[in-house]
Amino acid sequence: MLYDPKWQNETKADPYTLQGFIAWLEQQPADEHYNYYDICGCVAHQYLVSTGARGADGFSEDNHTLGDVFSNLHEYHFVAGAYPWTFGAALERARFVA
């Protein structure tokens, strides 16, 4: 699914920020699982694909990367890699670090 500007909240979050990621997660089914160990199944990869920043095959389509969304690798691993791997749990963790 491609990025939809309606996912942004009232603050008009830039899609390539943690706030943009949170806005996208809020629109996903909370109980849907993702696979952190599969690059194409990881929640962060799915997000970048939805914005058009990355192709479904994992390669970048433009210059936006995980570094635009997360401030460091520890934050990324905490939000995307901590278990359980559901969109709802990732949303809670992303809100915690925001």
PDB file of N, CA and C in Angstrom:
ATOM      1  N   MET A   1       0.848  -1.172   0.000  1.00  0.00           N
ATOM      2  CA  MET A   1       0.000   0.000   0.000  1.00  0.00           C
ATOM      3  C   MET A   1       0.893   1.235   0.000  1.00  0.00           C
ATOM      4  N   LEU A   2       0.592   2.190  -0.851  1.00  0.00           N
ATOM      5  CA  LEU A   2       1.371   3.408  -0.927  1.00  0.00           C
ATOM      6  C   LEU A   2       0.987   4.367   0.186  1.00  0.00           C
ATOM      7  N   TYR A   3       1.885   5.288   0.446  1.00  0.00           N
ATOM      8  CA  TYR A   3       1.671   6.284   1.484  1.00  0.00           C
ATOM      9  C   TYR A   3       0.449   7.134   1.156  1.00  0.00           C
ATOM     10  N   ASP A   4      -0.354   7.390   2.136  1.00  0.00           N
ATOM     11  CA  ASP A   4      -1.551   8.205   1.982  1.00  0.00           C
ATOM     12  C   ASP A   4      -1.419   9.425   2.890  1.00  0.00           C
ATOM     13  N   PRO A   5      -1.425  10.649   2.351  1.00  0.00           N
ATOM     14  CA  PRO A   5      -1.272  11.847   3.186  1.00  0.00           C
ATOM     15  C   PRO A   5      -2.301  11.957   4.302  1.00  0.00           C
ATOM     16  N   LYS A   6      -3.451  11.280   4.170  1.00  0.00           N
ATOM     17  CA  LYS A   6      -4.472  11.345   5.223  1.00  0.00           C
ATOM     18  C   LYS A   6      -3.994  10.674   6.511  1.00  0.00           C
ATOM     19  N   TRP A   7      -2.904   9.886   6.435  1.00  0.00           N
ATOM     20  CA  TRP A   7      -2.393   9.232   7.639  1.00  0.00           C
ATOM     21  C   TRP A   7      -1.731  10.228   8.579  1.00  0.00           C
ATOM     22  N   GLN A   8      -1.412  11.398   8.091  1.00  0.00           N
ATOM     23  CA  GLN A   8      -0.735  12.372   8.930  1.00  0.00           C
ATOM     24  C   GLN A   8      -1.725  12.972   9.916  1.00  0.00           C
ATOM     25  N   ASN A   9      -1.206  13.262  11.101  1.00  0.00           N
ATOM     26  CA  ASN A   9      -2.073  13.862  12.122  1.00  0.00           C
ATOM     27  C   ASN A   9      -2.146  15.378  11.931  1.00  0.00           C
ATOM     28  N   GLU A  10      -2.788  16.057  12.856  1.00  0.00           N
ATOM     29  CA  GLU A  10      -2.988  17.494  12.743  1.00  0.00           C
ATOM     30  C   GLU A  10      -1.687  18.276  12.622  1.00  0.00           C
ATOM     31  N   THR A  11      -0.582  17.739  13.122  1.00  0.00           N
ATOM     32  CA  THR A  11       0.682  18.456  13.061  1.00  0.00           C
ATOM     33  C   THR A  11       1.345  18.323  11.703  1.00  0.00           C
ATOM     34  N   LYS A  12       0.716  17.612  10.770  1.00  0.00           N
ATOM     35  CA  LYS A  12       1.260  17.421   9.428  1.00  0.00           C
ATOM     36  C   LYS A  12       2.669  16.849   9.501  1.00  0.00           C
ATOM     37  N   ALA A  13       2.797  15.720  10.153  1.00  0.00           N
ATOM     38  CA  ALA A  13       4.094  15.078  10.350  1.00  0.00           C
ATOM     39  C   ALA A  13       4.751  14.758   9.014  1.00  0.00           C
ATOM     40  N   ASP A  14       6.038  15.029   8.909  1.00  0.00           N
ATOM     41  CA  ASP A  14       6.843  14.627   7.763  1.00  0.00           C
ATOM     42  C   ASP A  14       6.830  13.100   7.736  1.00  0.00           C
ATOM     43  N   PRO A  15       6.579  12.480   6.582  1.00  0.00           N
ATOM     44  CA  PRO A  15       6.515  11.025   6.564  1.00  0.00           C
ATOM     45  C   PRO A  15       7.847  10.353   6.895  1.00  0.00           C
ATOM     46  N   TYR A  16       8.944  11.062   6.788  1.00  0.00           N
ATOM     47  CA  TYR A  16      10.248  10.465   7.058  1.00  0.00           C
ATOM     48  C   TYR A  16      10.771  10.848   8.440  1.00  0.00           C
ATOM     49  N   THR A  17       9.876  10.790   9.415  1.00  0.00           N
ATOM     50  CA  THR A  17      10.244  11.044  10.802  1.00  0.00           C
ATOM     51  C   THR A  17       9.562   9.995  11.668  1.00  0.00           C
ATOM     52  N   LEU A  18       9.939   9.948  12.918  1.00  0.00           N
ATOM     53  CA  LEU A  18       9.288   9.038  13.849  1.00  0.00           C
ATOM     54  C   LEU A  18       7.807   9.380  13.979  1.00  0.00           C
ATOM     55  N   GLN A  19       7.459  10.661  13.949  1.00  0.00           N
ATOM     56  CA  GLN A  19       6.051  11.056  14.027  1.00  0.00           C
ATOM     57  C   GLN A  19       5.271  10.574  12.802  1.00  0.00           C
ATOM     58  N   GLY A  20       5.889  10.627  11.624  1.00  0.00           N
ATOM     59  CA  GLY A  20       5.249  10.101  10.426  1.00  0.00           C
ATOM     60  C   GLY A  20       5.058   8.593  10.510  1.00  0.00           C
ATOM     61  N   PHE A  21       6.044   7.909  11.064  1.00  0.00           N
ATOM     62  CA  PHE A  21       5.963   6.460  11.262  1.00  0.00           C
ATOM     63  C   PHE A  21       4.823   6.127  12.228  1.00  0.00           C
ATOM     64  N   ILE A  22       4.708   6.887  13.300  1.00  0.00           N
ATOM     65  CA  ILE A  22       3.633   6.687  14.281  1.00  0.00           C
ATOM     66  C   ILE A  22       2.277   6.907  13.613  1.00  0.00           C
ATOM     67  N   ALA A  23       2.160   7.961  12.822  1.00  0.00           N
ATOM     68  CA  ALA A  23       0.890   8.234  12.126  1.00  0.00           C
ATOM     69  C   ALA A  23       0.514   7.076  11.205  1.00  0.00           C
ATOM     70  N   TRP A  24       1.502   6.486  10.537  1.00  0.00           N
ATOM     71  CA  TRP A  24       1.251   5.336   9.666  1.00  0.00           C
ATOM     72  C   TRP A  24       0.837   4.118  10.493  1.00  0.00           C
ATOM     73  N   LEU A  25       1.552   3.867  11.598  1.00  0.00           N
ATOM     74  CA  LEU A  25       1.222   2.723  12.457  1.00  0.00           C
ATOM     75  C   LEU A  25      -0.198   2.821  13.003  1.00  0.00           C
ATOM     76  N   GLU A  26      -0.649   4.023  13.289  1.00  0.00           N
ATOM     77  CA  GLU A  26      -2.001   4.214  13.813  1.00  0.00           C
ATOM     78  C   GLU A  26      -3.066   3.735  12.831  1.00  0.00           C
ATOM     79  N   GLN A  27      -2.721   3.645  11.563  1.00  0.00           N
ATOM     80  CA  GLN A  27      -3.668   3.223  10.531  1.00  0.00           C
ATOM     81  C   GLN A  27      -3.579   1.727  10.215  1.00  0.00           C
ATOM     82  N   GLN A  28      -2.634   1.025  10.840  1.00  0.00           N
ATOM     83  CA  GLN A  28      -2.447  -0.405  10.571  1.00  0.00           C
ATOM     84  C   GLN A  28      -3.253  -1.245  11.565  1.00  0.00           C
ATOM     85  N   PRO A  29      -3.627  -2.466  11.167  1.00  0.00           N
ATOM     86  CA  PRO A  29      -4.331  -3.363  12.098  1.00  0.00           C
ATOM     87  C   PRO A  29      -3.412  -3.717  13.272  1.00  0.00           C
ATOM     88  N   ALA A  30      -3.826  -3.380  14.478  1.00  0.00           N
ATOM     89  CA  ALA A  30      -2.969  -3.541  15.661  1.00  0.00           C
ATOM     90  C   ALA A  30      -2.511  -4.970  15.881  1.00  0.00           C
ATOM     91  N   ASP A  31      -3.336  -5.946  15.537  1.00  0.00           N
ATOM     92  CA  ASP A  31      -2.983  -7.340  15.818  1.00  0.00           C
ATOM     93  C   ASP A  31      -2.269  -8.034  14.660  1.00  0.00           C
ATOM     94  N   GLU A  32      -1.992  -7.299  13.572  1.00  0.00           N
ATOM     95  CA  GLU A  32      -1.292  -7.903  12.434  1.00  0.00           C
ATOM     96  C   GLU A  32       0.194  -8.061  12.756  1.00  0.00           C
ATOM     97  N   HIS A  33       0.738  -9.225  12.432  1.00  0.00           N
ATOM     98  CA  HIS A  33       2.141  -9.534  12.709  1.00  0.00           C
ATOM     99  C   HIS A  33       3.043  -9.134  11.540  1.00  0.00           C
ATOM    100  N   TYR A  34       4.289  -8.848  11.860  1.00  0.00           N
ATOM    101  CA  TYR A  34       5.336  -8.633  10.862  1.00  0.00           C
ATOM    102  C   TYR A  34       6.523  -9.482  11.265  1.00  0.00           C
ATOM    103  N   ASN A  35       7.485  -9.641  10.361  1.00  0.00           N
ATOM    104  CA  ASN A  35       8.669 -10.451  10.631  1.00  0.00           C
ATOM    105  C   ASN A  35       9.897  -9.550  10.659  1.00  0.00           C
ATOM    106  N   TYR A  36      10.380  -9.283  11.834  1.00  0.00           N
ATOM    107  CA  TYR A  36      11.536  -8.400  12.017  1.00  0.00           C
ATOM    108  C   TYR A  36      12.781  -8.921  11.305  1.00  0.00           C
ATOM    109  N   TYR A  37      12.942 -10.245  11.228  1.00  0.00           N
ATOM    110  CA  TYR A  37      14.144 -10.825  10.637  1.00  0.00           C
ATOM    111  C   TYR A  37      14.119 -10.862   9.112  1.00  0.00           C
ATOM    112  N   ASP A  38      12.992 -10.620   8.493  1.00  0.00           N
ATOM    113  CA  ASP A  38      12.860 -10.593   7.041  1.00  0.00           C
ATOM    114  C   ASP A  38      12.824  -9.133   6.609  1.00  0.00           C
ATOM    115  N   ILE A  39      13.850  -8.693   5.881  1.00  0.00           N
ATOM    116  CA  ILE A  39      13.920  -7.272   5.521  1.00  0.00           C
ATOM    117  C   ILE A  39      12.642  -6.783   4.848  1.00  0.00           C
ATOM    118  N   CYS A  40      12.049  -7.608   4.018  1.00  0.00           N
ATOM    119  CA  CYS A  40      10.837  -7.175   3.318  1.00  0.00           C
ATOM    120  C   CYS A  40       9.592  -7.305   4.186  1.00  0.00           C
ATOM    121  N   GLY A  41       9.703  -7.971   5.329  1.00  0.00           N
ATOM    122  CA  GLY A  41       8.567  -8.126   6.227  1.00  0.00           C
ATOM    123  C   GLY A  41       8.642  -7.262   7.466  1.00  0.00           C
ATOM    124  N   CYS A  42       9.780  -6.609   7.670  1.00  0.00           N
ATOM    125  CA  CYS A  42       9.979  -5.765   8.852  1.00  0.00           C
ATOM    126  C   CYS A  42       9.031  -4.569   8.804  1.00  0.00           C
ATOM    127  N   VAL A  43       8.532  -4.183   9.955  1.00  0.00           N
ATOM    128  CA  VAL A  43       7.585  -3.070  10.035  1.00  0.00           C
ATOM    129  C   VAL A  43       8.191  -1.783   9.472  1.00  0.00           C
ATOM    130  N   ALA A  44       9.467  -1.543   9.721  1.00  0.00           N
ATOM    131  CA  ALA A  44      10.088  -0.319   9.217  1.00  0.00           C
ATOM    132  C   ALA A  44      10.206  -0.357   7.693  1.00  0.00           C
ATOM    133  N   HIS A  45      10.536  -1.516   7.143  1.00  0.00           N
ATOM    134  CA  HIS A  45      10.618  -1.649   5.690  1.00  0.00           C
ATOM    135  C   HIS A  45       9.238  -1.447   5.065  1.00  0.00           C
ATOM    136  N   GLN A  46       8.219  -2.050   5.662  1.00  0.00           N
ATOM    137  CA  GLN A  46       6.863  -1.885   5.143  1.00  0.00           C
ATOM    138  C   GLN A  46       6.472  -0.404   5.133  1.00  0.00           C
ATOM    139  N   TYR A  47       6.879   0.307   6.169  1.00  0.00           N
ATOM    140  CA  TYR A  47       6.592   1.741   6.229  1.00  0.00           C
ATOM    141  C   TYR A  47       7.289   2.491   5.093  1.00  0.00           C
ATOM    142  N   LEU A  48       8.584   2.229   4.906  1.00  0.00           N
ATOM    143  CA  LEU A  48       9.318   2.924   3.854  1.00  0.00           C
ATOM    144  C   LEU A  48       8.772   2.581   2.467  1.00  0.00           C
ATOM    145  N   VAL A  49       8.323   1.353   2.273  1.00  0.00           N
ATOM    146  CA  VAL A  49       7.685   0.980   1.005  1.00  0.00           C
ATOM    147  C   VAL A  49       6.399   1.783   0.828  1.00  0.00           C
ATOM    148  N   SER A  50       5.620   1.917   1.896  1.00  0.00           N
ATOM    149  CA  SER A  50       4.342   2.631   1.798  1.00  0.00           C
ATOM    150  C   SER A  50       4.531   4.107   1.453  1.00  0.00           C
ATOM    151  N   THR A  51       5.669   4.685   1.815  1.00  0.00           N
ATOM    152  CA  THR A  51       5.940   6.094   1.511  1.00  0.00           C
ATOM    153  C   THR A  51       6.562   6.260   0.130  1.00  0.00           C
ATOM    154  N   GLY A  52       6.965   5.143  -0.478  1.00  0.00           N
ATOM    155  CA  GLY A  52       7.637   5.209  -1.763  1.00  0.00           C
ATOM    156  C   GLY A  52       9.135   5.366  -1.649  1.00  0.00           C
ATOM    157  N   ALA A  53       9.655   5.384  -0.424  1.00  0.00           N
ATOM    158  CA  ALA A  53      11.092   5.568  -0.208  1.00  0.00           C
ATOM    159  C   ALA A  53      11.889   4.310  -0.532  1.00  0.00           C
ATOM    160  N   ARG A  54      11.240   3.172  -0.540  1.00  0.00           N
ATOM    161  CA  ARG A  54      11.946   1.921  -0.769  1.00  0.00           C
ATOM    162  C   ARG A  54      11.064   1.016  -1.607  1.00  0.00           C
ATOM    163  N   GLY A  55      11.683   0.298  -2.519  1.00  0.00           N
ATOM    164  CA  GLY A  55      10.947  -0.665  -3.327  1.00  0.00           C
ATOM    165  C   GLY A  55      10.632  -1.908  -2.514  1.00  0.00           C
ATOM    166  N   ALA A  56       9.659  -2.652  -2.942  1.00  0.00           N
ATOM    167  CA  ALA A  56       9.250  -3.863  -2.224  1.00  0.00           C
ATOM    168  C   ALA A  56      10.376  -4.876  -2.136  1.00  0.00           C
ATOM    169  N   ASP A  57      11.357  -4.791  -3.035  1.00  0.00           N
ATOM    170  CA  ASP A  57      12.474  -5.730  -3.023  1.00  0.00           C
ATOM    171  C   ASP A  57      13.551  -5.347  -2.015  1.00  0.00           C
ATOM    172  N   GLY A  58      13.377  -4.237  -1.307  1.00  0.00           N
ATOM    173  CA  GLY A  58      14.329  -3.824  -0.280  1.00  0.00           C
ATOM    174  C   GLY A  58      15.292  -2.747  -0.725  1.00  0.00           C
ATOM    175  N   PHE A  59      15.309  -2.407  -1.986  1.00  0.00           N
ATOM    176  CA  PHE A  59      16.237  -1.398  -2.468  1.00  0.00           C
ATOM    177  C   PHE A  59      15.614  -0.011  -2.392  1.00  0.00           C
ATOM    178  N   SER A  60      16.450   0.983  -2.114  1.00  0.00           N
ATOM    179  CA  SER A  60      15.966   2.354  -1.980  1.00  0.00           C
ATOM    180  C   SER A  60      15.558   2.922  -3.321  1.00  0.00           C
ATOM    181  N   GLU A  61      14.434   3.615  -3.330  1.00  0.00           N
ATOM    182  CA  GLU A  61      13.958   4.301  -4.516  1.00  0.00           C
ATOM    183  C   GLU A  61      14.369   5.776  -4.477  1.00  0.00           C
ATOM    184  N   ASP A  62      14.664   6.277  -3.308  1.00  0.00           N
ATOM    185  CA  ASP A  62      15.142   7.651  -3.173  1.00  0.00           C
ATOM    186  C   ASP A  62      16.158   7.686  -2.035  1.00  0.00           C
ATOM    187  N   ASN A  63      16.435   8.836  -1.499  1.00  0.00           N
ATOM    188  CA  ASN A  63      17.490   8.975  -0.500  1.00  0.00           C
ATOM    189  C   ASN A  63      17.029   8.768   0.936  1.00  0.00           C
ATOM    190  N   HIS A  64      15.771   8.443   1.176  1.00  0.00           N
ATOM    191  CA  HIS A  64      15.277   8.287   2.536  1.00  0.00           C
ATOM    192  C   HIS A  64      15.575   6.885   3.064  1.00  0.00           C
ATOM    193  N   THR A  65      16.008   6.839   4.323  1.00  0.00           N
ATOM    194  CA  THR A  65      16.400   5.575   4.942  1.00  0.00           C
ATOM    195  C   THR A  65      15.848   5.502   6.356  1.00  0.00           C
ATOM    196  N   LEU A  66      16.166   4.397   7.044  1.00  0.00           N
ATOM    197  CA  LEU A  66      15.769   4.261   8.444  1.00  0.00           C
ATOM    198  C   LEU A  66      16.348   5.375   9.297  1.00  0.00           C
ATOM    199  N   GLY A  67      17.496   5.911   8.903  1.00  0.00           N
ATOM    200  CA  GLY A  67      18.112   7.006   9.646  1.00  0.00           C
ATOM    201  C   GLY A  67      17.289   8.279   9.636  1.00  0.00           C
ATOM    202  N   ASP A  68      16.377   8.400   8.675  1.00  0.00           N
ATOM    203  CA  ASP A  68      15.479   9.555   8.656  1.00  0.00           C
ATOM    204  C   ASP A  68      14.343   9.389   9.661  1.00  0.00           C
ATOM    205  N   VAL A  69      13.995   8.141   9.954  1.00  0.00           N
ATOM    206  CA  VAL A  69      12.865   7.839  10.835  1.00  0.00           C
ATOM    207  C   VAL A  69      13.317   7.712  12.282  1.00  0.00           C
ATOM    208  N   PHE A  70      14.408   6.995  12.495  1.00  0.00           N
ATOM    209  CA  PHE A  70      14.892   6.713  13.855  1.00  0.00           C
ATOM    210  C   PHE A  70      16.174   7.484  14.130  1.00  0.00           C
ATOM    211  N   SER A  71      16.333   7.936  15.374  1.00  0.00           N
ATOM    212  CA  SER A  71      17.506   8.751  15.714  1.00  0.00           C
ATOM    213  C   SER A  71      18.781   7.930  15.831  1.00  0.00           C
ATOM    214  N   ASN A  72      18.648   6.616  16.076  1.00  0.00           N
ATOM    215  CA  ASN A  72      19.824   5.751  16.158  1.00  0.00           C
ATOM    216  C   ASN A  72      19.390   4.286  16.025  1.00  0.00           C
ATOM    217  N   LEU A  73      20.353   3.398  15.894  1.00  0.00           N
ATOM    218  CA  LEU A  73      20.038   1.971  15.714  1.00  0.00           C
ATOM    219  C   LEU A  73      19.378   1.358  16.934  1.00  0.00           C
ATOM    220  N   HIS A  74      19.731   1.815  18.115  1.00  0.00           N
ATOM    221  CA  HIS A  74      19.105   1.280  19.331  1.00  0.00           C
ATOM    222  C   HIS A  74      17.598   1.575  19.325  1.00  0.00           C
ATOM    223  N   GLU A  75      17.237   2.773  18.913  1.00  0.00           N
ATOM    224  CA  GLU A  75      15.821   3.144  18.837  1.00  0.00           C
ATOM    225  C   GLU A  75      15.102   2.265  17.812  1.00  0.00           C
ATOM    226  N   TYR A  76      15.721   2.076  16.651  1.00  0.00           N
ATOM    227  CA  TYR A  76      15.134   1.215  15.620  1.00  0.00           C
ATOM    228  C   TYR A  76      14.931  -0.207  16.136  1.00  0.00           C
ATOM    229  N   HIS A  77      15.974  -0.783  16.734  1.00  0.00           N
ATOM    230  CA  HIS A  77      15.868  -2.162  17.226  1.00  0.00           C
ATOM    231  C   HIS A  77      14.830  -2.285  18.338  1.00  0.00           C
ATOM    232  N   PHE A  78      14.711  -1.267  19.178  1.00  0.00           N
ATOM    233  CA  PHE A  78      13.707  -1.301  20.242  1.00  0.00           C
ATOM    234  C   PHE A  78      12.295  -1.261  19.655  1.00  0.00           C
ATOM    235  N   VAL A  79      12.058  -0.337  18.736  1.00  0.00           N
ATOM    236  CA  VAL A  79      10.713  -0.171  18.178  1.00  0.00           C
ATOM    237  C   VAL A  79      10.340  -1.347  17.286  1.00  0.00           C
ATOM    238  N   ALA A  80      11.212  -1.712  16.363  1.00  0.00           N
ATOM    239  CA  ALA A  80      10.876  -2.740  15.376  1.00  0.00           C
ATOM    240  C   ALA A  80      11.223  -4.156  15.830  1.00  0.00           C
ATOM    241  N   GLY A  81      12.267  -4.292  16.640  1.00  0.00           N
ATOM    242  CA  GLY A  81      12.779  -5.620  16.952  1.00  0.00           C
ATOM    243  C   GLY A  81      12.281  -6.252  18.232  1.00  0.00           C
ATOM    244  N   ALA A  82      11.785  -5.443  19.159  1.00  0.00           N
ATOM    245  CA  ALA A  82      11.285  -6.016  20.416  1.00  0.00           C
ATOM    246  C   ALA A  82      10.023  -6.831  20.144  1.00  0.00           C
ATOM    247  N   TYR A  83       9.860  -7.880  20.905  1.00  0.00           N
ATOM    248  CA  TYR A  83       8.706  -8.749  20.737  1.00  0.00           C
ATOM    249  C   TYR A  83       7.568  -8.275  21.623  1.00  0.00           C
ATOM    250  N   PRO A  84       6.326  -8.334  21.265  1.00  0.00           N
ATOM    251  CA  PRO A  84       5.770  -9.025  20.104  1.00  0.00           C
ATOM    252  C   PRO A  84       5.878  -8.188  18.835  1.00  0.00           C
ATOM    253  N   TRP A  85       5.931  -8.876  17.713  1.00  0.00           N
ATOM    254  CA  TRP A  85       6.050  -8.234  16.415  1.00  0.00           C
ATOM    255  C   TRP A  85       4.671  -8.009  15.811  1.00  0.00           C
ATOM    256  N   THR A  86       3.942  -7.090  16.392  1.00  0.00           N
ATOM    257  CA  THR A  86       2.648  -6.680  15.837  1.00  0.00           C
ATOM    258  C   THR A  86       2.694  -5.170  15.634  1.00  0.00           C
ATOM    259  N   PHE A  87       1.849  -4.700  14.722  1.00  0.00           N
ATOM    260  CA  PHE A  87       1.812  -3.258  14.479  1.00  0.00           C
ATOM    261  C   PHE A  87       1.405  -2.499  15.734  1.00  0.00           C
ATOM    262  N   GLY A  88       0.484  -3.047  16.502  1.00  0.00           N
ATOM    263  CA  GLY A  88       0.042  -2.375  17.721  1.00  0.00           C
ATOM    264  C   GLY A  88       1.152  -2.257  18.750  1.00  0.00           C
ATOM    265  N   ALA A  89       1.931  -3.322  18.924  1.00  0.00           N
ATOM    266  CA  ALA A  89       3.042  -3.279  19.876  1.00  0.00           C
ATOM    267  C   ALA A  89       4.124  -2.314  19.397  1.00  0.00           C
ATOM    268  N   ALA A  90       4.403  -2.318  18.096  1.00  0.00           N
ATOM    269  CA  ALA A  90       5.388  -1.378  17.552  1.00  0.00           C
ATOM    270  C   ALA A  90       4.915   0.060  17.747  1.00  0.00           C
ATOM    271  N   LEU A  91       3.627   0.287  17.604  1.00  0.00           N
ATOM    272  CA  LEU A  91       3.064   1.624  17.830  1.00  0.00           C
ATOM    273  C   LEU A  91       3.287   2.061  19.273  1.00  0.00           C
ATOM    274  N   GLU A  92       3.018   1.190  20.215  1.00  0.00           N
ATOM    275  CA  GLU A  92       3.251   1.532  21.632  1.00  0.00           C
ATOM    276  C   GLU A  92       4.714   1.858  21.885  1.00  0.00           C
ATOM    277  N   ARG A  93       5.629   1.065  21.320  1.00  0.00           N
ATOM    278  CA  ARG A  93       7.061   1.306  21.529  1.00  0.00           C
ATOM    279  C   ARG A  93       7.501   2.596  20.847  1.00  0.00           C
ATOM    280  N   ALA A  94       6.958   2.873  19.656  1.00  0.00           N
ATOM    281  CA  ALA A  94       7.319   4.115  18.943  1.00  0.00           C
ATOM    282  C   ALA A  94       6.832   5.340  19.723  1.00  0.00           C
ATOM    283  N   ARG A  95       5.639   5.260  20.265  1.00  0.00           N
ATOM    284  CA  ARG A  95       5.130   6.379  21.081  1.00  0.00           C
ATOM    285  C   ARG A  95       5.996   6.566  22.322  1.00  0.00           C
ATOM    286  N   PHE A  96       6.505   5.484  22.880  1.00  0.00           N
ATOM    287  CA  PHE A  96       7.330   5.555  24.081  1.00  0.00           C
ATOM    288  C   PHE A  96       8.628   6.330  23.809  1.00  0.00           C
ATOM    289  N   VAL A  97       9.257   6.100  22.651  1.00  0.00           N
ATOM    290  CA  VAL A  97      10.533   6.758  22.358  1.00  0.00           C
ATOM    291  C   VAL A  97      10.356   8.144  21.743  1.00  0.00           C
ATOM    292  N   ALA A  98       9.125   8.460  21.298  1.00  0.00           N
ATOM    293  CA  ALA A  98       8.889   9.765  20.644  1.00  0.00           C
ATOM    294  C   ALA A  98       8.982  10.915  21.634  1.00  0.00           C
TER     295      ALA A  98
END
